């Protein structure tokens, strides 16, 4: 089979399109012919060496496809089923071994590029607004990178609940996408961002900030919060946040800050199916629209990473094997 392989950590140029032995499965796994592969910022963190990973390895963890072989212990799935996943290492490949406990049935009508890119970002948005801070109708929150994959999903889900959403974007085109998703106000990044947020909230600040950008937005995120506000720092697209003195949180209004990761919010099958089920149901009933900003052949994974890191993409991006 063909796959992307990383033999040394580095920039996008280390993503090599190669031929490797077909994936093999164990008794609790499914072998899946991949139809579409999700590309996420965590893939770039692992590729660059920011997150530890032995080399060589096949990157990626998210995708969708058709089951071609079922392990001896598997009873929930059969050959021919369409499944999606968000936690199968080695997903940048034509064939993927997926643990059955991590696989999810894809509803009819959900196209492969959507199924391949909805789960990781969708479940991230789900735990942020269900388990980190669940805003009440009428509250105001700030979502950074409002035209990104998670940003667009967060904005739609929050707006559907009656939450007022302020977002940040870097261009007029991205602002238009964010507003179409339901953002009440869209701001540009910059040193006066917190002042603008407070002006829009009558000086009070927002109840929560959902920040996947990291070091470039950290200070403005803290400064935008109301008393006892929550900063959910769920990513670092601009780099990791440097160490800071937690005494600042008390002085700024008894603020809360957390650095969550999806793996800790889908720790068992019940939690996984709850979050994924809500996301897929929202897609099926039209509450949630997954924007596919770009698709690339699997062989062009290097360009997909360059565009993602260069903030040239909007919504989700997908590899087609």
C-alpha atoms as a PDB file:
ATOM      1  CA  UNK A   1       0.000   0.000   0.000  1.00  0.00           C
ATOM      2  CA  UNK A   2       1.047   3.638  -0.338  1.00  0.00           C
ATOM      3  CA  UNK A   3       1.398   5.794   2.748  1.00  0.00           C
ATOM      4  CA  UNK A   4       3.122   8.860   4.104  1.00  0.00           C
ATOM      5  CA  UNK A   5       6.152   8.019   6.230  1.00  0.00           C
ATOM      6  CA  UNK A   6       8.234  10.220   8.520  1.00  0.00           C
ATOM      7  CA  UNK A   7      11.821   9.024   9.068  1.00  0.00           C
ATOM      8  CA  UNK A   8      13.071  12.092  10.934  1.00  0.00           C
ATOM      9  CA  UNK A   9      11.373  14.999  12.697  1.00  0.00           C
ATOM     10  CA  UNK A  10      11.279  18.322  10.909  1.00  0.00           C
ATOM     11  CA  UNK A  11       9.254  20.477   8.575  1.00  0.00           C
ATOM     12  CA  UNK A  12       6.662  19.391   6.004  1.00  0.00           C
ATOM     13  CA  UNK A  13       9.456  18.164   3.730  1.00  0.00           C
ATOM     14  CA  UNK A  14       9.916  15.059   5.935  1.00  0.00           C
ATOM     15  CA  UNK A  15       6.491  13.746   4.814  1.00  0.00           C
ATOM     16  CA  UNK A  16       7.483  11.140   2.225  1.00  0.00           C
ATOM     17  CA  UNK A  17       5.038   9.260  -0.029  1.00  0.00           C
ATOM     18  CA  UNK A  18       6.280   5.664  -0.045  1.00  0.00           C
ATOM     19  CA  UNK A  19       5.198   2.077  -0.576  1.00  0.00           C
ATOM     20  CA  UNK A  20       5.029   0.018   2.626  1.00  0.00           C
ATOM     21  CA  UNK A  21       3.655  -3.411   3.587  1.00  0.00           C
ATOM     22  CA  UNK A  22      -0.130  -3.538   3.948  1.00  0.00           C
ATOM     23  CA  UNK A  23      -1.479  -2.858   7.426  1.00  0.00           C
ATOM     24  CA  UNK A  24      -2.171  -5.995   9.461  1.00  0.00           C
ATOM     25  CA  UNK A  25      -4.871  -6.371  12.120  1.00  0.00           C
ATOM     26  CA  UNK A  26      -5.215  -8.133  15.436  1.00  0.00           C
ATOM     27  CA  UNK A  27      -8.281  -9.926  16.840  1.00  0.00           C
ATOM     28  CA  UNK A  28      -9.837  -6.708  18.187  1.00  0.00           C
ATOM     29  CA  UNK A  29      -9.289  -4.587  15.088  1.00  0.00           C
ATOM     30  CA  UNK A  30     -10.765  -3.724  11.704  1.00  0.00           C
ATOM     31  CA  UNK A  31      -8.868  -3.403   8.443  1.00  0.00           C
ATOM     32  CA  UNK A  32     -10.266  -0.461   6.517  1.00  0.00           C
ATOM     33  CA  UNK A  33      -9.768   0.718   2.948  1.00  0.00           C
ATOM     34  CA  UNK A  34      -9.398   4.427   3.506  1.00  0.00           C
ATOM     35  CA  UNK A  35     -11.642   6.838   1.596  1.00  0.00           C
ATOM     36  CA  UNK A  36     -10.561  10.124   3.210  1.00  0.00           C
ATOM     37  CA  UNK A  37      -8.073  11.202   5.888  1.00  0.00           C
ATOM     38  CA  UNK A  38      -8.359  14.104   8.311  1.00  0.00           C
ATOM     39  CA  UNK A  39      -5.437  16.524   8.709  1.00  0.00           C
ATOM     40  CA  UNK A  40      -5.063  18.236  12.080  1.00  0.00           C
ATOM     41  CA  UNK A  41      -2.623  20.551  13.832  1.00  0.00           C
ATOM     42  CA  UNK A  42      -1.598  17.757  16.198  1.00  0.00           C
ATOM     43  CA  UNK A  43      -0.171  15.981  13.134  1.00  0.00           C
ATOM     44  CA  UNK A  44       2.207  18.913  12.650  1.00  0.00           C
ATOM     45  CA  UNK A  45       3.204  18.942  16.319  1.00  0.00           C
ATOM     46  CA  UNK A  46       4.163  15.261  16.167  1.00  0.00           C
ATOM     47  CA  UNK A  47       5.925  15.650  12.809  1.00  0.00           C
ATOM     48  CA  UNK A  48       8.061  18.520  14.095  1.00  0.00           C
ATOM     49  CA  UNK A  49       9.046  16.690  17.277  1.00  0.00           C
ATOM     50  CA  UNK A  50       7.105  18.944  19.636  1.00  0.00           C
ATOM     51  CA  UNK A  51       5.227  15.842  20.801  1.00  0.00           C
ATOM     52  CA  UNK A  52       7.324  12.677  21.251  1.00  0.00           C
ATOM     53  CA  UNK A  53       7.077   9.969  18.604  1.00  0.00           C
ATOM     54  CA  UNK A  54       9.552   7.297  17.575  1.00  0.00           C
ATOM     55  CA  UNK A  55      10.585   7.276  13.912  1.00  0.00           C
ATOM     56  CA  UNK A  56       9.932   5.990  11.344  1.00  0.00           C
ATOM     57  CA  UNK A  57       6.171   6.234  11.597  1.00  0.00           C
ATOM     58  CA  UNK A  58       3.068   6.830   9.484  1.00  0.00           C
ATOM     59  CA  UNK A  59       1.338  10.015  10.695  1.00  0.00           C
ATOM     60  CA  UNK A  60      -2.337  10.761  11.152  1.00  0.00           C
ATOM     61  CA  UNK A  61      -5.050   9.434  13.444  1.00  0.00           C
ATOM     62  CA  UNK A  62      -8.345  10.379  11.783  1.00  0.00           C
ATOM     63  CA  UNK A  63     -10.189   9.084   8.752  1.00  0.00           C
ATOM     64  CA  UNK A  64     -13.025   7.117   7.248  1.00  0.00           C
ATOM     65  CA  UNK A  65     -13.409   4.145   4.950  1.00  0.00           C
ATOM     66  CA  UNK A  66     -14.944   0.744   4.282  1.00  0.00           C
ATOM     67  CA  UNK A  67     -14.235  -2.302   6.419  1.00  0.00           C
ATOM     68  CA  UNK A  68     -12.529  -5.102   4.432  1.00  0.00           C
ATOM     69  CA  UNK A  69     -11.512  -7.439   7.259  1.00  0.00           C
ATOM     70  CA  UNK A  70     -12.814  -8.007  10.799  1.00  0.00           C
ATOM     71  CA  UNK A  71     -10.776  -9.339  13.720  1.00  0.00           C
ATOM     72  CA  UNK A  72     -11.852 -12.592  15.361  1.00  0.00           C
ATOM     73  CA  UNK A  73     -13.119 -10.883  18.539  1.00  0.00           C
ATOM     74  CA  UNK A  74     -15.105  -8.125  16.808  1.00  0.00           C
ATOM     75  CA  UNK A  75     -18.897  -8.406  16.854  1.00  0.00           C
ATOM     76  CA  UNK A  76     -20.104  -4.823  16.337  1.00  0.00           C
ATOM     77  CA  UNK A  77     -18.895  -4.373  12.743  1.00  0.00           C
ATOM     78  CA  UNK A  78     -18.901  -6.391   9.516  1.00  0.00           C
ATOM     79  CA  UNK A  79     -17.149  -6.322   6.159  1.00  0.00           C
ATOM     80  CA  UNK A  80     -18.665  -3.564   4.020  1.00  0.00           C
ATOM     81  CA  UNK A  81     -19.534  -1.225   6.900  1.00  0.00           C
ATOM     82  CA  UNK A  82     -18.592   2.436   6.614  1.00  0.00           C
ATOM     83  CA  UNK A  83     -16.695   3.576   9.666  1.00  0.00           C
ATOM     84  CA  UNK A  84     -14.854   6.651  10.877  1.00  0.00           C
ATOM     85  CA  UNK A  85     -12.275   7.128  13.608  1.00  0.00           C
ATOM     86  CA  UNK A  86     -10.209   9.783  15.370  1.00  0.00           C
ATOM     87  CA  UNK A  87      -7.646   7.644  17.175  1.00  0.00           C
ATOM     88  CA  UNK A  88      -5.991   5.202  14.759  1.00  0.00           C
ATOM     89  CA  UNK A  89      -2.232   5.845  14.426  1.00  0.00           C
ATOM     90  CA  UNK A  90      -0.999   5.417  10.881  1.00  0.00           C
ATOM     91  CA  UNK A  91      -4.012   6.942   9.152  1.00  0.00           C
ATOM     92  CA  UNK A  92      -2.059   8.680   6.356  1.00  0.00           C
ATOM     93  CA  UNK A  93      -2.304   5.446   4.347  1.00  0.00           C
ATOM     94  CA  UNK A  94      -4.455   3.563   1.859  1.00  0.00           C
ATOM     95  CA  UNK A  95      -5.255   0.865   4.438  1.00  0.00           C
ATOM     96  CA  UNK A  96      -5.606   1.446   8.188  1.00  0.00           C
ATOM     97  CA  UNK A  97      -5.825  -0.909  11.163  1.00  0.00           C
ATOM     98  CA  UNK A  98      -8.481   0.538  13.480  1.00  0.00           C
ATOM     99  CA  UNK A  99      -9.284  -0.701  16.976  1.00  0.00           C
ATOM    100  CA  UNK A 100     -12.950  -1.703  16.923  1.00  0.00           C
ATOM    101  CA  UNK A 101     -13.511   0.167  20.187  1.00  0.00           C
ATOM    102  CA  UNK A 102     -12.400   3.381  18.450  1.00  0.00           C
ATOM    103  CA  UNK A 103     -14.502   2.914  15.306  1.00  0.00           C
ATOM    104  CA  UNK A 104     -17.851   4.600  14.732  1.00  0.00           C
ATOM    105  CA  UNK A 105     -20.563   3.828  12.198  1.00  0.00           C
ATOM    106  CA  UNK A 106     -20.988   6.566   9.587  1.00  0.00           C
ATOM    107  CA  UNK A 107     -24.643   7.603   9.034  1.00  0.00           C
ATOM    108  CA  UNK A 108     -26.072   7.497   5.523  1.00  0.00           C
ATOM    109  CA  UNK A 109     -25.707  10.789   3.730  1.00  0.00           C
ATOM    110  CA  UNK A 110     -22.442  11.814   5.399  1.00  0.00           C
ATOM    111  CA  UNK A 111     -19.833  12.020   2.635  1.00  0.00           C
ATOM    112  CA  UNK A 112     -16.309  10.647   3.216  1.00  0.00           C
ATOM    113  CA  UNK A 113     -14.496  14.021   3.400  1.00  0.00           C
ATOM    114  CA  UNK A 114     -16.977  15.179   6.056  1.00  0.00           C
ATOM    115  CA  UNK A 115     -16.818  11.931   8.026  1.00  0.00           C
ATOM    116  CA  UNK A 116     -13.005  12.010   7.862  1.00  0.00           C
ATOM    117  CA  UNK A 117     -12.705  15.485   9.315  1.00  0.00           C
ATOM    118  CA  UNK A 118     -15.709  15.826  11.629  1.00  0.00           C
ATOM    119  CA  UNK A 119     -14.768  13.653  14.570  1.00  0.00           C
ATOM    120  CA  UNK A 120     -11.508  15.001  15.962  1.00  0.00           C
ATOM    121  CA  UNK A 121     -12.483  18.641  15.542  1.00  0.00           C
ATOM    122  CA  UNK A 122     -16.153  18.021  16.336  1.00  0.00           C
ATOM    123  CA  UNK A 123     -15.459  16.068  19.523  1.00  0.00           C
ATOM    124  CA  UNK A 124     -12.914  18.701  20.538  1.00  0.00           C
ATOM    125  CA  UNK A 125     -15.634  21.344  20.241  1.00  0.00           C
ATOM    126  CA  UNK A 126     -18.033  19.036  22.102  1.00  0.00           C
ATOM    127  CA  UNK A 127     -15.856  18.525  25.176  1.00  0.00           C
ATOM    128  CA  UNK A 128     -14.950  22.214  25.252  1.00  0.00           C
ATOM    129  CA  UNK A 129     -18.587  23.326  25.516  1.00  0.00           C
ATOM    130  CA  UNK A 130     -19.981  20.320  27.379  1.00  0.00           C
ATOM    131  CA  UNK A 131     -17.225  19.436  29.830  1.00  0.00           C
ATOM    132  CA  UNK A 132     -14.802  22.383  30.115  1.00  0.00           C
ATOM    133  CA  UNK A 133     -17.208  25.323  30.205  1.00  0.00           C
ATOM    134  CA  UNK A 134     -20.848  25.017  29.172  1.00  0.00           C
ATOM    135  CA  UNK A 135     -22.117  28.529  28.431  1.00  0.00           C
ATOM    136  CA  UNK A 136     -25.692  29.412  29.262  1.00  0.00           C
ATOM    137  CA  UNK A 137     -27.950  31.071  26.683  1.00  0.00           C
ATOM    138  CA  UNK A 138     -27.230  34.786  26.633  1.00  0.00           C
ATOM    139  CA  UNK A 139     -23.625  34.479  27.811  1.00  0.00           C
ATOM    140  CA  UNK A 140     -20.795  35.794  25.633  1.00  0.00           C
ATOM    141  CA  UNK A 141     -17.663  33.818  24.761  1.00  0.00           C
ATOM    142  CA  UNK A 142     -14.582  34.410  22.630  1.00  0.00           C
ATOM    143  CA  UNK A 143     -13.474  31.833  20.039  1.00  0.00           C
ATOM    144  CA  UNK A 144     -10.061  32.320  18.472  1.00  0.00           C
ATOM    145  CA  UNK A 145      -9.394  31.285  14.856  1.00  0.00           C
ATOM    146  CA  UNK A 146     -13.073  31.566  14.048  1.00  0.00           C
ATOM    147  CA  UNK A 147     -12.631  30.421  10.430  1.00  0.00           C
ATOM    148  CA  UNK A 148     -10.642  27.315  11.349  1.00  0.00           C
ATOM    149  CA  UNK A 149     -12.114  23.845  11.610  1.00  0.00           C
ATOM    150  CA  UNK A 150     -12.765  23.857  15.356  1.00  0.00           C
ATOM    151  CA  UNK A 151     -13.657  27.541  15.346  1.00  0.00           C
ATOM    152  CA  UNK A 152     -16.428  27.120  12.782  1.00  0.00           C
ATOM    153  CA  UNK A 153     -17.848  24.112  14.627  1.00  0.00           C
ATOM    154  CA  UNK A 154     -17.742  25.856  18.015  1.00  0.00           C
ATOM    155  CA  UNK A 155     -19.456  28.930  16.611  1.00  0.00           C
ATOM    156  CA  UNK A 156     -22.302  26.937  15.052  1.00  0.00           C
ATOM    157  CA  UNK A 157     -22.927  24.783  18.124  1.00  0.00           C
ATOM    158  CA  UNK A 158     -22.760  27.702  20.550  1.00  0.00           C
ATOM    159  CA  UNK A 159     -24.960  29.971  18.443  1.00  0.00           C
ATOM    160  CA  UNK A 160     -27.569  27.210  18.174  1.00  0.00           C
ATOM    161  CA  UNK A 161     -27.753  27.290  21.994  1.00  0.00           C
ATOM    162  CA  UNK A 162     -28.314  31.022  22.153  1.00  0.00           C
ATOM    163  CA  UNK A 163     -24.752  31.912  23.157  1.00  0.00           C
ATOM    164  CA  UNK A 164     -23.275  35.149  21.819  1.00  0.00           C
ATOM    165  CA  UNK A 165     -19.992  34.361  20.055  1.00  0.00           C
ATOM    166  CA  UNK A 166     -17.142  36.792  19.399  1.00  0.00           C
ATOM    167  CA  UNK A 167     -14.433  35.390  17.122  1.00  0.00           C
ATOM    168  CA  UNK A 168     -11.019  36.395  15.843  1.00  0.00           C
ATOM    169  CA  UNK A 169      -9.826  35.985  12.249  1.00  0.00           C
ATOM    170  CA  UNK A 170      -6.927  37.292  10.173  1.00  0.00           C
ATOM    171  CA  UNK A 171      -8.662  38.490   6.991  1.00  0.00           C
ATOM    172  CA  UNK A 172     -11.898  39.764   5.498  1.00  0.00           C
ATOM    173  CA  UNK A 173     -12.534  36.466   3.715  1.00  0.00           C
ATOM    174  CA  UNK A 174     -12.165  34.530   6.956  1.00  0.00           C
ATOM    175  CA  UNK A 175     -14.378  37.046   8.727  1.00  0.00           C
ATOM    176  CA  UNK A 176     -17.128  36.363   6.195  1.00  0.00           C
ATOM    177  CA  UNK A 177     -16.898  32.621   6.904  1.00  0.00           C
ATOM    178  CA  UNK A 178     -17.024  33.197  10.642  1.00  0.00           C
ATOM    179  CA  UNK A 179     -20.062  35.455  10.398  1.00  0.00           C
ATOM    180  CA  UNK A 180     -21.812  32.927   8.175  1.00  0.00           C
ATOM    181  CA  UNK A 181     -21.296  30.360  10.960  1.00  0.00           C
ATOM    182  CA  UNK A 182     -23.101  32.672  13.379  1.00  0.00           C
ATOM    183  CA  UNK A 183     -20.470  34.907  14.958  1.00  0.00           C
ATOM    184  CA  UNK A 184     -22.052  38.056  16.394  1.00  0.00           C
ATOM    185  CA  UNK A 185     -18.785  40.020  16.270  1.00  0.00           C
ATOM    186  CA  UNK A 186     -15.507  39.304  14.461  1.00  0.00           C
ATOM    187  CA  UNK A 187     -12.260  40.939  15.514  1.00  0.00           C
ATOM    188  CA  UNK A 188      -8.684  40.950  14.213  1.00  0.00           C
ATOM    189  CA  UNK A 189      -5.763  39.694  16.242  1.00  0.00           C
ATOM    190  CA  UNK A 190      -3.626  42.408  17.829  1.00  0.00           C
ATOM    191  CA  UNK A 191      -2.491  44.164  20.972  1.00  0.00           C
ATOM    192  CA  UNK A 192      -5.839  45.952  21.443  1.00  0.00           C
ATOM    193  CA  UNK A 193      -7.958  42.826  21.135  1.00  0.00           C
ATOM    194  CA  UNK A 194      -8.841  42.590  24.835  1.00  0.00           C
ATOM    195  CA  UNK A 195      -9.904  46.234  24.877  1.00  0.00           C
ATOM    196  CA  UNK A 196     -12.274  45.579  21.987  1.00  0.00           C
ATOM    197  CA  UNK A 197     -13.701  42.504  23.713  1.00  0.00           C
ATOM    198  CA  UNK A 198     -14.372  44.468  26.892  1.00  0.00           C
ATOM    199  CA  UNK A 199     -15.983  47.247  24.895  1.00  0.00           C
ATOM    200  CA  UNK A 200     -18.323  44.693  23.333  1.00  0.00           C
ATOM    201  CA  UNK A 201     -19.210  43.320  26.782  1.00  0.00           C
ATOM    202  CA  UNK A 202     -19.794  46.643  28.567  1.00  0.00           C
ATOM    203  CA  UNK A 203     -16.455  46.320  30.322  1.00  0.00           C
ATOM    204  CA  UNK A 204     -17.276  42.954  31.921  1.00  0.00           C
ATOM    205  CA  UNK A 205     -15.364  40.512  29.717  1.00  0.00           C
ATOM    206  CA  UNK A 206     -16.385  37.140  28.332  1.00  0.00           C
ATOM    207  CA  UNK A 207     -17.402  34.061  30.301  1.00  0.00           C
ATOM    208  CA  UNK A 208     -14.926  31.827  28.466  1.00  0.00           C
ATOM    209  CA  UNK A 209     -12.215  31.926  25.841  1.00  0.00           C
ATOM    210  CA  UNK A 210     -11.663  28.889  23.611  1.00  0.00           C
ATOM    211  CA  UNK A 211      -8.073  29.311  22.438  1.00  0.00           C
ATOM    212  CA  UNK A 212      -6.374  26.934  20.009  1.00  0.00           C
ATOM    213  CA  UNK A 213      -3.795  29.502  18.869  1.00  0.00           C
ATOM    214  CA  UNK A 214      -1.526  29.588  21.921  1.00  0.00           C
ATOM    215  CA  UNK A 215       1.344  31.947  22.523  1.00  0.00           C
ATOM    216  CA  UNK A 216       0.183  34.695  20.114  1.00  0.00           C
ATOM    217  CA  UNK A 217      -3.222  35.060  21.802  1.00  0.00           C
ATOM    218  CA  UNK A 218      -2.566  33.963  25.387  1.00  0.00           C
ATOM    219  CA  UNK A 219      -2.203  37.412  26.941  1.00  0.00           C
ATOM    220  CA  UNK A 220      -5.236  38.849  25.172  1.00  0.00           C
ATOM    221  CA  UNK A 221      -7.250  35.756  26.109  1.00  0.00           C
ATOM    222  CA  UNK A 222      -6.564  36.239  29.813  1.00  0.00           C
ATOM    223  CA  UNK A 223      -7.252  39.968  29.578  1.00  0.00           C
ATOM    224  CA  UNK A 224     -10.613  39.323  27.868  1.00  0.00           C
ATOM    225  CA  UNK A 225     -12.097  37.211  30.683  1.00  0.00           C
ATOM    226  CA  UNK A 226     -14.654  38.335  33.227  1.00  0.00           C
ATOM    227  CA  UNK A 227     -14.233  37.585  36.923  1.00  0.00           C
ATOM    228  CA  UNK A 228     -14.068  33.778  37.409  1.00  0.00           C
ATOM    229  CA  UNK A 229     -13.856  33.326  33.629  1.00  0.00           C
ATOM    230  CA  UNK A 230     -12.455  30.185  32.013  1.00  0.00           C
ATOM    231  CA  UNK A 231      -9.584  30.013  29.515  1.00  0.00           C
ATOM    232  CA  UNK A 232      -9.594  26.702  27.642  1.00  0.00           C
ATOM    233  CA  UNK A 233      -6.202  26.501  25.951  1.00  0.00           C
ATOM    234  CA  UNK A 234      -6.773  23.499  23.685  1.00  0.00           C
ATOM    235  CA  UNK A 235      -4.023  24.013  21.099  1.00  0.00           C
ATOM    236  CA  UNK A 236      -0.927  25.960  20.137  1.00  0.00           C
ATOM    237  CA  UNK A 237      -1.030  26.766  16.429  1.00  0.00           C
ATOM    238  CA  UNK A 238       1.308  29.735  17.020  1.00  0.00           C
ATOM    239  CA  UNK A 239       3.510  27.868  19.493  1.00  0.00           C
ATOM    240  CA  UNK A 240       3.298  26.683  23.115  1.00  0.00           C
ATOM    241  CA  UNK A 241       2.501  29.177  25.869  1.00  0.00           C
ATOM    242  CA  UNK A 242       5.608  29.987  27.946  1.00  0.00           C
ATOM    243  CA  UNK A 243       5.612  29.386  31.715  1.00  0.00           C
ATOM    244  CA  UNK A 244       3.647  31.944  33.726  1.00  0.00           C
ATOM    245  CA  UNK A 245       2.988  32.744  37.395  1.00  0.00           C
ATOM    246  CA  UNK A 246      -0.396  31.320  38.508  1.00  0.00           C
ATOM    247  CA  UNK A 247      -0.657  34.191  41.015  1.00  0.00           C
ATOM    248  CA  UNK A 248      -1.726  36.258  38.020  1.00  0.00           C
ATOM    249  CA  UNK A 249      -4.997  34.338  37.845  1.00  0.00           C
ATOM    250  CA  UNK A 250      -6.061  35.520  41.284  1.00  0.00           C
ATOM    251  CA  UNK A 251      -5.076  39.118  40.675  1.00  0.00           C
ATOM    252  CA  UNK A 252      -6.965  39.167  37.354  1.00  0.00           C
ATOM    253  CA  UNK A 253     -10.264  38.024  38.885  1.00  0.00           C
ATOM    254  CA  UNK A 254      -9.879  34.443  40.171  1.00  0.00           C
ATOM    255  CA  UNK A 255      -9.617  33.150  36.624  1.00  0.00           C
ATOM    256  CA  UNK A 256      -9.495  29.499  35.579  1.00  0.00           C
ATOM    257  CA  UNK A 257      -7.173  28.041  32.971  1.00  0.00           C
ATOM    258  CA  UNK A 258      -6.964  24.501  31.618  1.00  0.00           C
ATOM    259  CA  UNK A 259      -4.873  22.770  28.947  1.00  0.00           C
ATOM    260  CA  UNK A 260      -7.100  19.826  27.913  1.00  0.00           C
ATOM    261  CA  UNK A 261      -6.550  17.195  25.253  1.00  0.00           C
ATOM    262  CA  UNK A 262      -9.194  15.140  23.483  1.00  0.00           C
ATOM    263  CA  UNK A 263      -7.786  11.757  24.540  1.00  0.00           C
ATOM    264  CA  UNK A 264      -8.724  12.464  28.161  1.00  0.00           C
ATOM    265  CA  UNK A 265     -12.338  13.224  27.171  1.00  0.00           C
ATOM    266  CA  UNK A 266     -12.973  10.038  25.186  1.00  0.00           C
ATOM    267  CA  UNK A 267     -11.450   7.624  27.679  1.00  0.00           C
ATOM    268  CA  UNK A 268     -14.056   4.885  27.267  1.00  0.00           C
ATOM    269  CA  UNK A 269     -16.475   3.659  24.638  1.00  0.00           C
ATOM    270  CA  UNK A 270     -19.485   5.297  26.282  1.00  0.00           C
ATOM    271  CA  UNK A 271     -17.899   8.747  26.291  1.00  0.00           C
ATOM    272  CA  UNK A 272     -16.614   8.334  22.739  1.00  0.00           C
ATOM    273  CA  UNK A 273     -20.012   7.326  21.373  1.00  0.00           C
ATOM    274  CA  UNK A 274     -21.737  10.150  23.300  1.00  0.00           C
ATOM    275  CA  UNK A 275     -19.514  12.852  21.844  1.00  0.00           C
ATOM    276  CA  UNK A 276     -19.256  11.388  18.355  1.00  0.00           C
ATOM    277  CA  UNK A 277     -22.976  10.614  18.290  1.00  0.00           C
ATOM    278  CA  UNK A 278     -23.862  14.214  19.130  1.00  0.00           C
ATOM    279  CA  UNK A 279     -21.524  15.521  16.425  1.00  0.00           C
ATOM    280  CA  UNK A 280     -22.741  13.155  13.709  1.00  0.00           C
ATOM    281  CA  UNK A 281     -26.381  13.770  14.662  1.00  0.00           C
ATOM    282  CA  UNK A 282     -25.867  17.517  14.403  1.00  0.00           C
ATOM    283  CA  UNK A 283     -24.434  17.041  10.917  1.00  0.00           C
ATOM    284  CA  UNK A 284     -27.290  14.762   9.892  1.00  0.00           C
ATOM    285  CA  UNK A 285     -30.014  17.164  11.089  1.00  0.00           C
ATOM    286  CA  UNK A 286     -28.369  20.237   9.575  1.00  0.00           C
ATOM    287  CA  UNK A 287     -27.449  21.958  12.843  1.00  0.00           C
ATOM    288  CA  UNK A 288     -23.757  21.583  12.003  1.00  0.00           C
ATOM    289  CA  UNK A 289     -22.104  22.138   8.643  1.00  0.00           C
ATOM    290  CA  UNK A 290     -18.545  20.851   8.275  1.00  0.00           C
ATOM    291  CA  UNK A 291     -16.691  23.103   5.853  1.00  0.00           C
ATOM    292  CA  UNK A 292     -14.104  21.260   3.783  1.00  0.00           C
ATOM    293  CA  UNK A 293     -11.706  24.043   2.937  1.00  0.00           C
ATOM    294  CA  UNK A 294      -9.360  21.975   0.766  1.00  0.00           C
ATOM    295  CA  UNK A 295      -8.636  18.424  -0.352  1.00  0.00           C
ATOM    296  CA  UNK A 296      -5.259  17.040  -1.417  1.00  0.00           C
ATOM    297  CA  UNK A 297      -4.115  13.719  -2.857  1.00  0.00           C
ATOM    298  CA  UNK A 298      -2.360  11.645  -0.192  1.00  0.00           C
ATOM    299  CA  UNK A 299       0.901  12.111  -2.095  1.00  0.00           C
ATOM    300  CA  UNK A 300       0.650  15.880  -1.456  1.00  0.00           C
ATOM    301  CA  UNK A 301       0.503  15.687   2.329  1.00  0.00           C
ATOM    302  CA  UNK A 302       3.570  17.928   2.465  1.00  0.00           C
ATOM    303  CA  UNK A 303       1.652  20.754   0.775  1.00  0.00           C
ATOM    304  CA  UNK A 304      -1.352  20.188   3.048  1.00  0.00           C
ATOM    305  CA  UNK A 305       0.870  20.696   6.103  1.00  0.00           C
ATOM    306  CA  UNK A 306       2.487  23.792   4.571  1.00  0.00           C
ATOM    307  CA  UNK A 307      -0.896  25.351   3.896  1.00  0.00           C
ATOM    308  CA  UNK A 308      -2.239  24.461   7.342  1.00  0.00           C
ATOM    309  CA  UNK A 309       0.764  25.889   9.191  1.00  0.00           C
ATOM    310  CA  UNK A 310       0.807  28.933   6.919  1.00  0.00           C
ATOM    311  CA  UNK A 311      -2.829  29.693   7.810  1.00  0.00           C
ATOM    312  CA  UNK A 312      -3.780  29.433   4.150  1.00  0.00           C
ATOM    313  CA  UNK A 313      -6.699  27.108   4.865  1.00  0.00           C
ATOM    314  CA  UNK A 314     -10.169  27.501   6.315  1.00  0.00           C
ATOM    315  CA  UNK A 315     -12.373  24.870   7.858  1.00  0.00           C
ATOM    316  CA  UNK A 316     -11.145  21.285   7.616  1.00  0.00           C
ATOM    317  CA  UNK A 317      -8.606  19.884   5.176  1.00  0.00           C
ATOM    318  CA  UNK A 318      -8.585  16.309   3.925  1.00  0.00           C
ATOM    319  CA  UNK A 319      -6.223  13.891   2.171  1.00  0.00           C
ATOM    320  CA  UNK A 320      -7.671  11.557  -0.481  1.00  0.00           C
ATOM    321  CA  UNK A 321      -5.740   8.287  -0.787  1.00  0.00           C
END
